[in-house]
Amino acid sequence: MNEVAGAVRRFDTFTPENNPYGKHYCASLVMAGHRIIGKIEYYPPNYAGNDPHLADDPFAKRAMTIMLNKKSQSILCTNY
């Protein structure tokens, strides 16, 4: 799991196809033949709900979710 988390943290291969809004909060990569998806959620310091507009706020809290895509489906990170 540490290898997967490290790979998601280091991911920097953003393209218009996998990062259409330029936010860099979602990554999709392949490790050992498995599609891995990593997504960062941004929360205000009091954790009063997810707010994607906090990405540049130095006081924002961040939580990363890492998922295994077993169906090998194409994943597009959408702006919410």
N, C-alpha and C. Protein backbone atom coordinates (compact mmCIF):
# COMPACT_ATOMS: atom_id res chain seq x y z
N MET A 1 0.82 -1.20 0.00
CA MET A 1 0.00 0.00 0.00
C MET A 1 0.86 1.26 0.00
N ASN A 2 2.00 1.22 0.67
CA ASN A 2 2.88 2.40 0.69
C ASN A 2 3.35 2.76 -0.71
N GLU A 3 3.63 1.75 -1.53
CA GLU A 3 4.06 2.01 -2.91
C GLU A 3 2.96 2.70 -3.70
N VAL A 4 1.73 2.24 -3.51
CA VAL A 4 0.60 2.83 -4.22
C VAL A 4 0.40 4.28 -3.77
N ALA A 5 0.39 4.52 -2.47
CA ALA A 5 0.21 5.88 -1.96
C ALA A 5 1.31 6.80 -2.47
N GLY A 6 2.54 6.31 -2.48
CA GLY A 6 3.65 7.11 -2.98
C GLY A 6 3.51 7.43 -4.46
N ALA A 7 3.07 6.46 -5.24
CA ALA A 7 2.88 6.68 -6.68
C ALA A 7 1.79 7.71 -6.93
N VAL A 8 0.71 7.64 -6.17
CA VAL A 8 -0.37 8.62 -6.33
C VAL A 8 0.12 10.01 -5.93
N ARG A 9 0.87 10.10 -4.83
CA ARG A 9 1.40 11.40 -4.39
C ARG A 9 2.34 12.01 -5.42
N ARG A 10 3.13 11.18 -6.08
CA ARG A 10 4.10 11.68 -7.05
C ARG A 10 3.51 11.90 -8.45
N PHE A 11 2.29 11.47 -8.67
CA PHE A 11 1.69 11.57 -10.00
C PHE A 11 1.72 13.02 -10.48
N ASP A 12 2.24 13.24 -11.67
CA ASP A 12 2.26 14.59 -12.23
C ASP A 12 2.04 14.60 -13.74
N THR A 13 1.49 13.52 -14.26
CA THR A 13 1.26 13.40 -15.69
C THR A 13 -0.15 13.87 -16.03
N PHE A 14 -0.42 15.12 -15.74
CA PHE A 14 -1.74 15.68 -16.01
C PHE A 14 -1.82 16.13 -17.46
N THR A 15 -2.93 15.80 -18.09
CA THR A 15 -3.18 16.18 -19.48
C THR A 15 -4.58 16.77 -19.56
N PRO A 16 -4.92 17.41 -20.66
CA PRO A 16 -6.29 17.90 -20.81
C PRO A 16 -7.33 16.78 -20.75
N GLU A 17 -6.93 15.57 -21.12
CA GLU A 17 -7.87 14.44 -21.09
C GLU A 17 -8.15 13.96 -19.67
N ASN A 18 -7.12 13.89 -18.82
CA ASN A 18 -7.35 13.37 -17.47
C ASN A 18 -7.47 14.47 -16.42
N ASN A 19 -7.34 15.72 -16.85
CA ASN A 19 -7.41 16.85 -15.92
C ASN A 19 -8.06 18.04 -16.63
N PRO A 20 -9.31 17.86 -17.08
CA PRO A 20 -9.93 18.88 -17.93
C PRO A 20 -10.12 20.24 -17.28
N TYR A 21 -10.15 20.32 -15.97
CA TYR A 21 -10.37 21.60 -15.29
C TYR A 21 -9.10 22.18 -14.69
N GLY A 22 -7.97 21.51 -14.86
CA GLY A 22 -6.70 22.02 -14.38
C GLY A 22 -6.55 22.06 -12.88
N LYS A 23 -7.30 21.26 -12.16
CA LYS A 23 -7.29 21.30 -10.69
C LYS A 23 -6.25 20.37 -10.05
N HIS A 24 -5.81 19.35 -10.75
CA HIS A 24 -4.81 18.40 -10.24
C HIS A 24 -5.23 17.72 -8.94
N TYR A 25 -6.50 17.42 -8.78
CA TYR A 25 -6.98 16.77 -7.56
C TYR A 25 -7.33 15.30 -7.77
N CYS A 26 -7.14 14.79 -8.97
CA CYS A 26 -7.48 13.40 -9.25
C CYS A 26 -6.41 12.81 -10.15
N ALA A 27 -6.05 11.57 -9.88
CA ALA A 27 -5.03 10.89 -10.69
C ALA A 27 -5.50 9.49 -11.02
N SER A 28 -5.18 9.04 -12.20
CA SER A 28 -5.49 7.68 -12.62
C SER A 28 -4.21 7.11 -13.22
N LEU A 29 -3.72 6.01 -12.65
CA LEU A 29 -2.49 5.42 -13.12
C LEU A 29 -2.57 3.90 -13.04
N VAL A 30 -1.63 3.24 -13.68
CA VAL A 30 -1.60 1.78 -13.68
C VAL A 30 -0.35 1.32 -12.93
N MET A 31 -0.56 0.39 -12.00
CA MET A 31 0.55 -0.22 -11.25
C MET A 31 0.34 -1.73 -11.27
N ALA A 32 1.36 -2.45 -11.66
CA ALA A 32 1.30 -3.92 -11.69
C ALA A 32 0.05 -4.42 -12.41
N GLY A 33 -0.33 -3.71 -13.47
CA GLY A 33 -1.47 -4.12 -14.26
C GLY A 33 -2.83 -3.73 -13.69
N HIS A 34 -2.85 -2.97 -12.61
CA HIS A 34 -4.10 -2.56 -11.97
C HIS A 34 -4.28 -1.05 -12.11
N ARG A 35 -5.49 -0.63 -12.45
CA ARG A 35 -5.81 0.79 -12.54
C ARG A 35 -6.06 1.32 -11.13
N ILE A 36 -5.32 2.35 -10.74
CA ILE A 36 -5.42 2.98 -9.42
C ILE A 36 -5.94 4.40 -9.62
N ILE A 37 -6.88 4.80 -8.79
CA ILE A 37 -7.42 6.16 -8.85
C ILE A 37 -7.16 6.82 -7.50
N GLY A 38 -6.62 8.01 -7.53
CA GLY A 38 -6.41 8.78 -6.31
C GLY A 38 -7.12 10.11 -6.43
N LYS A 39 -7.78 10.53 -5.38
CA LYS A 39 -8.54 11.78 -5.41
C LYS A 39 -8.31 12.54 -4.12
N ILE A 40 -8.11 13.83 -4.23
CA ILE A 40 -7.91 14.68 -3.06
C ILE A 40 -9.18 15.48 -2.82
N GLU A 41 -9.63 15.46 -1.59
CA GLU A 41 -10.78 16.27 -1.16
C GLU A 41 -10.25 17.41 -0.30
N TYR A 42 -10.85 18.57 -0.42
CA TYR A 42 -10.41 19.75 0.34
C TYR A 42 -11.50 20.15 1.33
N TYR A 43 -11.10 20.41 2.57
CA TYR A 43 -12.04 20.77 3.62
C TYR A 43 -11.56 22.03 4.33
N PRO A 44 -12.51 22.86 4.78
CA PRO A 44 -12.10 24.02 5.59
C PRO A 44 -11.53 23.51 6.92
N PRO A 45 -10.79 24.35 7.63
CA PRO A 45 -10.16 23.91 8.88
C PRO A 45 -11.12 23.25 9.88
N ASN A 46 -12.39 23.61 9.86
CA ASN A 46 -13.35 23.01 10.80
C ASN A 46 -14.05 21.77 10.21
N TYR A 47 -13.62 21.31 9.04
CA TYR A 47 -14.18 20.14 8.36
C TYR A 47 -15.69 20.26 8.12
N ALA A 48 -16.15 21.45 7.82
CA ALA A 48 -17.58 21.68 7.63
C ALA A 48 -18.02 21.44 6.18
N GLY A 49 -17.57 20.38 5.58
CA GLY A 49 -18.00 20.03 4.23
C GLY A 49 -16.89 20.21 3.20
N ASN A 50 -16.92 19.36 2.21
CA ASN A 50 -15.93 19.36 1.14
C ASN A 50 -16.13 20.60 0.26
N ASP A 51 -15.04 21.27 -0.08
CA ASP A 51 -15.12 22.46 -0.92
C ASP A 51 -13.93 22.47 -1.88
N PRO A 52 -14.16 22.13 -3.16
CA PRO A 52 -13.05 22.07 -4.12
C PRO A 52 -12.36 23.41 -4.35
N HIS A 53 -12.98 24.50 -3.94
CA HIS A 53 -12.38 25.82 -4.15
C HIS A 53 -11.29 26.12 -3.13
N LEU A 54 -11.07 25.22 -2.19
CA LEU A 54 -10.04 25.42 -1.16
C LEU A 54 -8.68 24.89 -1.58
N ALA A 55 -8.53 24.45 -2.80
CA ALA A 55 -7.28 23.80 -3.24
C ALA A 55 -6.05 24.66 -2.99
N ASP A 56 -6.16 25.96 -3.11
CA ASP A 56 -5.01 26.84 -2.92
C ASP A 56 -4.95 27.47 -1.53
N ASP A 57 -5.88 27.13 -0.68
CA ASP A 57 -5.93 27.69 0.67
C ASP A 57 -4.91 26.98 1.56
N PRO A 58 -3.93 27.70 2.10
CA PRO A 58 -2.91 27.03 2.92
C PRO A 58 -3.46 26.44 4.22
N PHE A 59 -4.65 26.86 4.64
CA PHE A 59 -5.23 26.35 5.88
C PHE A 59 -6.21 25.21 5.64
N ALA A 60 -6.46 24.90 4.39
CA ALA A 60 -7.40 23.81 4.07
C ALA A 60 -6.83 22.47 4.52
N LYS A 61 -7.71 21.62 4.96
CA LYS A 61 -7.34 20.24 5.29
C LYS A 61 -7.55 19.40 4.05
N ARG A 62 -6.69 18.42 3.84
CA ARG A 62 -6.79 17.58 2.66
C ARG A 62 -6.90 16.12 3.06
N ALA A 63 -7.73 15.41 2.33
CA ALA A 63 -7.87 13.97 2.54
C ALA A 63 -7.73 13.29 1.18
N MET A 64 -6.91 12.25 1.12
CA MET A 64 -6.72 11.54 -0.14
C MET A 64 -7.43 10.19 -0.07
N THR A 65 -8.19 9.90 -1.11
CA THR A 65 -8.83 8.60 -1.26
C THR A 65 -8.13 7.86 -2.38
N ILE A 66 -7.75 6.62 -2.13
CA ILE A 66 -7.11 5.80 -3.16
C ILE A 66 -8.00 4.59 -3.41
N MET A 67 -8.31 4.36 -4.68
CA MET A 67 -9.24 3.28 -5.04
C MET A 67 -8.61 2.38 -6.10
N LEU A 68 -8.99 1.13 -6.07
CA LEU A 68 -8.60 0.16 -7.08
C LEU A 68 -9.78 -0.01 -8.03
N ASN A 69 -9.55 0.24 -9.31
CA ASN A 69 -10.60 0.09 -10.31
C ASN A 69 -10.51 -1.32 -10.89
N LYS A 70 -11.27 -2.24 -10.35
CA LYS A 70 -11.19 -3.64 -10.76
C LYS A 70 -11.78 -3.89 -12.15
N LYS A 71 -12.62 -3.01 -12.63
CA LYS A 71 -13.27 -3.24 -13.92
C LYS A 71 -12.49 -2.65 -15.08
N SER A 72 -11.34 -2.03 -14.80
CA SER A 72 -10.50 -1.42 -15.83
C SER A 72 -11.27 -0.42 -16.68
N GLN A 73 -12.21 0.26 -16.06
CA GLN A 73 -12.97 1.28 -16.78
C GLN A 73 -12.14 2.55 -16.88
N SER A 74 -12.41 3.31 -17.91
CA SER A 74 -11.76 4.61 -18.04
C SER A 74 -12.37 5.55 -17.01
N ILE A 75 -11.55 6.30 -16.33
CA ILE A 75 -12.00 7.21 -15.29
C ILE A 75 -11.69 8.63 -15.72
N LEU A 76 -12.67 9.48 -15.69
CA LEU A 76 -12.47 10.90 -15.95
C LEU A 76 -12.80 11.64 -14.66
N CYS A 77 -11.87 12.39 -14.17
CA CYS A 77 -12.11 13.17 -12.96
C CYS A 77 -12.93 14.39 -13.34
N THR A 78 -14.07 14.53 -12.71
CA THR A 78 -14.96 15.61 -13.06
C THR A 78 -14.89 16.74 -12.05
N ASN A 79 -15.22 17.91 -12.49
CA ASN A 79 -15.27 19.07 -11.62
C ASN A 79 -16.61 19.05 -10.90
N TYR A 80 -16.61 19.17 -9.61
CA TYR A 80 -17.86 19.11 -8.85
C TYR A 80 -18.12 20.39 -8.13
